[in-house]
Amino acid sequence: MPLTLIGTGNSSSVVRIAGRDDTRRFLENLGIVNGSQITVLSEYGGDLIIKVCEARVAISKTMACKIHVA
């Protein structure tokens, strides 16, 4: 399921990253790779603030939809 559906305060593991190569590389540089743990800290208008690799990162709703978690 897409990251946008797990809800604020919940953690999940990345199982797949969809999108073009440049999108996947961008997310990889943020530490978002298969198997990494992501916690949704807050949501505002669909955009998310997440915690990944002990860092807080803001991503758009469009980008969050490309991250599939389990």
PDB file of N, CA and C in Angstrom:
ATOM      1  N   MET A   1       0.842  -1.173   0.000  1.00  0.00           N
ATOM      2  CA  MET A   1       0.000   0.000   0.000  1.00  0.00           C
ATOM      3  C   MET A   1       0.890   1.239   0.000  1.00  0.00           C
ATOM      4  N   PRO A   2       0.425   2.341  -0.556  1.00  0.00           N
ATOM      5  CA  PRO A   2       1.222   3.567  -0.594  1.00  0.00           C
ATOM      6  C   PRO A   2       1.427   4.143   0.808  1.00  0.00           C
ATOM      7  N   LEU A   3       2.514   4.848   0.975  1.00  0.00           N
ATOM      8  CA  LEU A   3       2.865   5.453   2.258  1.00  0.00           C
ATOM      9  C   LEU A   3       1.775   6.398   2.764  1.00  0.00           C
ATOM     10  N   THR A   4       1.044   7.014   1.869  1.00  0.00           N
ATOM     11  CA  THR A   4       0.008   7.974   2.262  1.00  0.00           C
ATOM     12  C   THR A   4      -1.123   7.336   3.058  1.00  0.00           C
ATOM     13  N   LEU A   5      -1.258   6.012   3.010  1.00  0.00           N
ATOM     14  CA  LEU A   5      -2.369   5.338   3.671  1.00  0.00           C
ATOM     15  C   LEU A   5      -2.063   4.819   5.071  1.00  0.00           C
ATOM     16  N   ILE A   6      -0.808   4.893   5.556  1.00  0.00           N
ATOM     17  CA  ILE A   6      -0.527   4.270   6.850  1.00  0.00           C
ATOM     18  C   ILE A   6      -0.915   5.136   8.045  1.00  0.00           C
ATOM     19  N   GLY A   7      -1.073   6.420   7.859  1.00  0.00           N
ATOM     20  CA  GLY A   7      -1.547   7.272   8.941  1.00  0.00           C
ATOM     21  C   GLY A   7      -0.442   7.830   9.823  1.00  0.00           C
ATOM     22  N   THR A   8      -0.730   8.946  10.449  1.00  0.00           N
ATOM     23  CA  THR A   8       0.215   9.641  11.311  1.00  0.00           C
ATOM     24  C   THR A   8       0.548   8.806  12.537  1.00  0.00           C
ATOM     25  N   GLY A   9       1.833   8.764  12.877  1.00  0.00           N
ATOM     26  CA  GLY A   9       2.286   8.051  14.056  1.00  0.00           C
ATOM     27  C   GLY A   9       2.601   6.592  13.829  1.00  0.00           C
ATOM     28  N   ASN A  10       2.340   6.078  12.654  1.00  0.00           N
ATOM     29  CA  ASN A  10       2.585   4.661  12.359  1.00  0.00           C
ATOM     30  C   ASN A  10       3.902   4.470  11.623  1.00  0.00           C
ATOM     31  N   SER A  11       4.529   3.317  11.865  1.00  0.00           N
ATOM     32  CA  SER A  11       5.774   2.952  11.187  1.00  0.00           C
ATOM     33  C   SER A  11       5.517   1.790  10.248  1.00  0.00           C
ATOM     34  N   SER A  12       6.339   1.724   9.222  1.00  0.00           N
ATOM     35  CA  SER A  12       6.221   0.631   8.274  1.00  0.00           C
ATOM     36  C   SER A  12       7.543   0.454   7.542  1.00  0.00           C
ATOM     37  N   SER A  13       7.680  -0.660   6.857  1.00  0.00           N
ATOM     38  CA  SER A  13       8.890  -0.974   6.116  1.00  0.00           C
ATOM     39  C   SER A  13       8.639  -0.801   4.612  1.00  0.00           C
ATOM     40  N   VAL A  14       9.608  -0.236   3.919  1.00  0.00           N
ATOM     41  CA  VAL A  14       9.496  -0.014   2.471  1.00  0.00           C
ATOM     42  C   VAL A  14       9.655  -1.350   1.755  1.00  0.00           C
ATOM     43  N   VAL A  15       8.721  -1.656   0.860  1.00  0.00           N
ATOM     44  CA  VAL A  15       8.803  -2.886   0.073  1.00  0.00           C
ATOM     45  C   VAL A  15       9.058  -2.618  -1.412  1.00  0.00           C
ATOM     46  N   ARG A  16       8.702  -1.414  -1.874  1.00  0.00           N
ATOM     47  CA  ARG A  16       8.893  -1.102  -3.300  1.00  0.00           C
ATOM     48  C   ARG A  16       8.851   0.396  -3.493  1.00  0.00           C
ATOM     49  N   ILE A  17       9.643   0.869  -4.451  1.00  0.00           N
ATOM     50  CA  ILE A  17       9.604   2.278  -4.833  1.00  0.00           C
ATOM     51  C   ILE A  17       9.291   2.332  -6.315  1.00  0.00           C
ATOM     52  N   ALA A  18       8.170   2.950  -6.645  1.00  0.00           N
ATOM     53  CA  ALA A  18       7.733   3.071  -8.032  1.00  0.00           C
ATOM     54  C   ALA A  18       8.281   4.366  -8.625  1.00  0.00           C
ATOM     55  N   GLY A  19       8.167   4.510  -9.910  1.00  0.00           N
ATOM     56  CA  GLY A  19       8.562   5.749 -10.566  1.00  0.00           C
ATOM     57  C   GLY A  19       9.777   5.575 -11.459  1.00  0.00           C
ATOM     58  N   ARG A  20      10.189   6.700 -12.026  1.00  0.00           N
ATOM     59  CA  ARG A  20      11.333   6.712 -12.934  1.00  0.00           C
ATOM     60  C   ARG A  20      12.636   6.567 -12.156  1.00  0.00           C
ATOM     61  N   ASP A  21      13.712   6.330 -12.882  1.00  0.00           N
ATOM     62  CA  ASP A  21      15.027   6.154 -12.260  1.00  0.00           C
ATOM     63  C   ASP A  21      15.449   7.364 -11.439  1.00  0.00           C
ATOM     64  N   ASP A  22      15.198   8.573 -11.951  1.00  0.00           N
ATOM     65  CA  ASP A  22      15.612   9.766 -11.217  1.00  0.00           C
ATOM     66  C   ASP A  22      14.822   9.922  -9.913  1.00  0.00           C
ATOM     67  N   THR A  23      13.559   9.513  -9.923  1.00  0.00           N
ATOM     68  CA  THR A  23      12.741   9.552  -8.711  1.00  0.00           C
ATOM     69  C   THR A  23      13.283   8.569  -7.684  1.00  0.00           C
ATOM     70  N   ARG A  24      13.595   7.361  -8.128  1.00  0.00           N
ATOM     71  CA  ARG A  24      14.134   6.347  -7.215  1.00  0.00           C
ATOM     72  C   ARG A  24      15.484   6.771  -6.654  1.00  0.00           C
ATOM     73  N   ARG A  25      16.324   7.378  -7.485  1.00  0.00           N
ATOM     74  CA  ARG A  25      17.627   7.857  -7.013  1.00  0.00           C
ATOM     75  C   ARG A  25      17.475   8.966  -5.984  1.00  0.00           C
ATOM     76  N   PHE A  26      16.527   9.877  -6.218  1.00  0.00           N
ATOM     77  CA  PHE A  26      16.260  10.965  -5.276  1.00  0.00           C
ATOM     78  C   PHE A  26      15.864  10.404  -3.910  1.00  0.00           C
ATOM     79  N   LEU A  27      14.939   9.452  -3.909  1.00  0.00           N
ATOM     80  CA  LEU A  27      14.495   8.843  -2.658  1.00  0.00           C
ATOM     81  C   LEU A  27      15.611   8.039  -1.996  1.00  0.00           C
ATOM     82  N   GLU A  28      16.436   7.380  -2.802  1.00  0.00           N
ATOM     83  CA  GLU A  28      17.584   6.642  -2.283  1.00  0.00           C
ATOM     84  C   GLU A  28      18.542   7.574  -1.554  1.00  0.00           C
ATOM     85  N   ASN A  29      18.772   8.738  -2.104  1.00  0.00           N
ATOM     86  CA  ASN A  29      19.663   9.724  -1.480  1.00  0.00           C
ATOM     87  C   ASN A  29      19.110  10.227  -0.154  1.00  0.00           C
ATOM     88  N   LEU A  30      17.797  10.152   0.028  1.00  0.00           N
ATOM     89  CA  LEU A  30      17.179  10.531   1.301  1.00  0.00           C
ATOM     90  C   LEU A  30      17.214   9.383   2.307  1.00  0.00           C
ATOM     91  N   GLY A  31      17.649   8.196   1.866  1.00  0.00           N
ATOM     92  CA  GLY A  31      17.697   7.037   2.740  1.00  0.00           C
ATOM     93  C   GLY A  31      16.481   6.143   2.635  1.00  0.00           C
ATOM     94  N   ILE A  32      15.624   6.428   1.672  1.00  0.00           N
ATOM     95  CA  ILE A  32      14.408   5.634   1.486  1.00  0.00           C
ATOM     96  C   ILE A  32      14.707   4.552   0.456  1.00  0.00           C
ATOM     97  N   VAL A  33      15.004   3.355   0.960  1.00  0.00           N
ATOM     98  CA  VAL A  33      15.331   2.206   0.120  1.00  0.00           C
ATOM     99  C   VAL A  33      14.514   1.008   0.594  1.00  0.00           C
ATOM    100  N   ASN A  34      14.492  -0.055  -0.196  1.00  0.00           N
ATOM    101  CA  ASN A  34      13.767  -1.267   0.205  1.00  0.00           C
ATOM    102  C   ASN A  34      14.284  -1.754   1.552  1.00  0.00           C
ATOM    103  N   GLY A  35      13.354  -2.025   2.451  1.00  0.00           N
ATOM    104  CA  GLY A  35      13.703  -2.528   3.769  1.00  0.00           C
ATOM    105  C   GLY A  35      13.865  -1.462   4.838  1.00  0.00           C
ATOM    106  N   SER A  36      13.947  -0.193   4.451  1.00  0.00           N
ATOM    107  CA  SER A  36      14.115   0.852   5.468  1.00  0.00           C
ATOM    108  C   SER A  36      12.802   1.104   6.207  1.00  0.00           C
ATOM    109  N   GLN A  37      12.919   1.494   7.476  1.00  0.00           N
ATOM    110  CA  GLN A  37      11.764   1.796   8.316  1.00  0.00           C
ATOM    111  C   GLN A  37      11.397   3.267   8.164  1.00  0.00           C
ATOM    112  N   ILE A  38      10.112   3.538   7.978  1.00  0.00           N
ATOM    113  CA  ILE A  38       9.613   4.907   7.843  1.00  0.00           C
ATOM    114  C   ILE A  38       8.508   5.108   8.858  1.00  0.00           C
ATOM    115  N   THR A  39       8.561   6.245   9.553  1.00  0.00           N
ATOM    116  CA  THR A  39       7.503   6.638  10.473  1.00  0.00           C
ATOM    117  C   THR A  39       6.899   7.940   9.968  1.00  0.00           C
ATOM    118  N   VAL A  40       5.580   7.989   9.851  1.00  0.00           N
ATOM    119  CA  VAL A  40       4.900   9.214   9.445  1.00  0.00           C
ATOM    120  C   VAL A  40       4.711  10.067  10.692  1.00  0.00           C
ATOM    121  N   LEU A  41       5.354  11.239  10.711  1.00  0.00           N
ATOM    122  CA  LEU A  41       5.281  12.126  11.870  1.00  0.00           C
ATOM    123  C   LEU A  41       4.093  13.066  11.797  1.00  0.00           C
ATOM    124  N   SER A  42       3.820  13.606  10.605  1.00  0.00           N
ATOM    125  CA  SER A  42       2.656  14.476  10.452  1.00  0.00           C
ATOM    126  C   SER A  42       2.261  14.558   8.987  1.00  0.00           C
ATOM    127  N   GLU A  43       1.040  15.017   8.784  1.00  0.00           N
ATOM    128  CA  GLU A  43       0.484  15.166   7.439  1.00  0.00           C
ATOM    129  C   GLU A  43      -0.223  16.500   7.367  1.00  0.00           C
ATOM    130  N   TYR A  44       0.023  17.224   6.277  1.00  0.00           N
ATOM    131  CA  TYR A  44      -0.624  18.512   6.096  1.00  0.00           C
ATOM    132  C   TYR A  44      -0.998  18.650   4.629  1.00  0.00           C
ATOM    133  N   GLY A  45      -2.278  18.598   4.341  1.00  0.00           N
ATOM    134  CA  GLY A  45      -2.749  18.729   2.958  1.00  0.00           C
ATOM    135  C   GLY A  45      -2.265  17.618   2.052  1.00  0.00           C
ATOM    136  N   GLY A  46      -1.994  16.449   2.610  1.00  0.00           N
ATOM    137  CA  GLY A  46      -1.515  15.331   1.812  1.00  0.00           C
ATOM    138  C   GLY A  46      -0.009  15.190   1.822  1.00  0.00           C
ATOM    139  N   ASP A  47       0.711  16.295   2.051  1.00  0.00           N
ATOM    140  CA  ASP A  47       2.168  16.231   2.149  1.00  0.00           C
ATOM    141  C   ASP A  47       2.547  15.644   3.500  1.00  0.00           C
ATOM    142  N   LEU A  48       3.681  14.943   3.546  1.00  0.00           N
ATOM    143  CA  LEU A  48       4.060  14.219   4.752  1.00  0.00           C
ATOM    144  C   LEU A  48       5.406  14.677   5.298  1.00  0.00           C
ATOM    145  N   ILE A  49       5.528  14.628   6.606  1.00  0.00           N
ATOM    146  CA  ILE A  49       6.830  14.717   7.260  1.00  0.00           C
ATOM    147  C   ILE A  49       7.071  13.339   7.824  1.00  0.00           C
ATOM    148  N   ILE A  50       8.185  12.736   7.391  1.00  0.00           N
ATOM    149  CA  ILE A  50       8.478  11.363   7.790  1.00  0.00           C
ATOM    150  C   ILE A  50       9.822  11.311   8.506  1.00  0.00           C
ATOM    151  N   LYS A  51      10.016  10.236   9.247  1.00  0.00           N
ATOM    152  CA  LYS A  51      11.296   9.970   9.889  1.00  0.00           C
ATOM    153  C   LYS A  51      11.883   8.742   9.227  1.00  0.00           C
ATOM    154  N   VAL A  52      13.073   8.887   8.677  1.00  0.00           N
ATOM    155  CA  VAL A  52      13.775   7.778   8.043  1.00  0.00           C
ATOM    156  C   VAL A  52      15.261   7.945   8.349  1.00  0.00           C
ATOM    157  N   CYS A  53      15.902   6.884   8.777  1.00  0.00           N
ATOM    158  CA  CYS A  53      17.329   6.911   9.127  1.00  0.00           C
ATOM    159  C   CYS A  53      17.642   8.002  10.157  1.00  0.00           C
ATOM    160  N   GLU A  54      16.802   8.134  11.163  1.00  0.00           N
ATOM    161  CA  GLU A  54      16.966   9.122  12.239  1.00  0.00           C
ATOM    162  C   GLU A  54      16.956  10.571  11.744  1.00  0.00           C
ATOM    163  N   ALA A  55      16.407  10.810  10.557  1.00  0.00           N
ATOM    164  CA  ALA A  55      16.280  12.162  10.012  1.00  0.00           C
ATOM    165  C   ALA A  55      14.818  12.437   9.674  1.00  0.00           C
ATOM    166  N   ARG A  56      14.426  13.693   9.789  1.00  0.00           N
ATOM    167  CA  ARG A  56      13.079  14.099   9.385  1.00  0.00           C
ATOM    168  C   ARG A  56      13.138  14.652   7.977  1.00  0.00           C
ATOM    169  N   VAL A  57      12.198  14.197   7.155  1.00  0.00           N
ATOM    170  CA  VAL A  57      12.171  14.582   5.749  1.00  0.00           C
ATOM    171  C   VAL A  57      10.744  14.946   5.377  1.00  0.00           C
ATOM    172  N   ALA A  58      10.577  16.033   4.637  1.00  0.00           N
ATOM    173  CA  ALA A  58       9.266  16.425   4.114  1.00  0.00           C
ATOM    174  C   ALA A  58       9.181  15.976   2.657  1.00  0.00           C
ATOM    175  N   ILE A  59       8.085  15.287   2.312  1.00  0.00           N
ATOM    176  CA  ILE A  59       7.877  14.862   0.931  1.00  0.00           C
ATOM    177  C   ILE A  59       6.445  15.176   0.514  1.00  0.00           C
ATOM    178  N   SER A  60       6.282  15.384  -0.777  1.00  0.00           N
ATOM    179  CA  SER A  60       4.960  15.704  -1.310  1.00  0.00           C
ATOM    180  C   SER A  60       4.088  14.451  -1.351  1.00  0.00           C
ATOM    181  N   LYS A  61       2.805  14.675  -1.505  1.00  0.00           N
ATOM    182  CA  LYS A  61       1.857  13.571  -1.612  1.00  0.00           C
ATOM    183  C   LYS A  61       2.171  12.724  -2.848  1.00  0.00           C
ATOM    184  N   THR A  62       2.542  13.367  -3.934  1.00  0.00           N
ATOM    185  CA  THR A  62       2.885  12.660  -5.169  1.00  0.00           C
ATOM    186  C   THR A  62       4.068  11.720  -4.948  1.00  0.00           C
ATOM    187  N   MET A  63       5.090  12.218  -4.244  1.00  0.00           N
ATOM    188  CA  MET A  63       6.268  11.403  -3.969  1.00  0.00           C
ATOM    189  C   MET A  63       5.920  10.277  -2.993  1.00  0.00           C
ATOM    190  N   ALA A  64       5.089  10.570  -1.997  1.00  0.00           N
ATOM    191  CA  ALA A  64       4.704   9.565  -0.997  1.00  0.00           C
ATOM    192  C   ALA A  64       3.910   8.424  -1.643  1.00  0.00           C
ATOM    193  N   CYS A  65       3.154   8.717  -2.686  1.00  0.00           N
ATOM    194  CA  CYS A  65       2.371   7.677  -3.369  1.00  0.00           C
ATOM    195  C   CYS A  65       3.265   6.680  -4.099  1.00  0.00           C
ATOM    196  N   LYS A  66       4.499   7.058  -4.393  1.00  0.00           N
ATOM    197  CA  LYS A  66       5.428   6.189  -5.095  1.00  0.00           C
ATOM    198  C   LYS A  66       6.147   5.232  -4.151  1.00  0.00           C
ATOM    199  N   ILE A  67       6.024   5.469  -2.838  1.00  0.00           N
ATOM    200  CA  ILE A  67       6.672   4.627  -1.842  1.00  0.00           C
ATOM    201  C   ILE A  67       5.640   3.627  -1.327  1.00  0.00           C
ATOM    202  N   HIS A  68       5.892   2.343  -1.564  1.00  0.00           N
ATOM    203  CA  HIS A  68       4.967   1.288  -1.135  1.00  0.00           C
ATOM    204  C   HIS A  68       5.532   0.614   0.111  1.00  0.00           C
ATOM    205  N   VAL A  69       4.670   0.448   1.113  1.00  0.00           N
ATOM    206  CA  VAL A  69       5.096  -0.103   2.391  1.00  0.00           C
ATOM    207  C   VAL A  69       4.233  -1.309   2.760  1.00  0.00           C
ATOM    208  N   ALA A  70       4.726  -2.078   3.731  1.00  0.00           N
ATOM    209  CA  ALA A  70       3.969  -3.232   4.228  1.00  0.00           C
ATOM    210  C   ALA A  70       3.963  -3.223   5.736  1.00  0.00           C
TER     211      ALA A  70
END
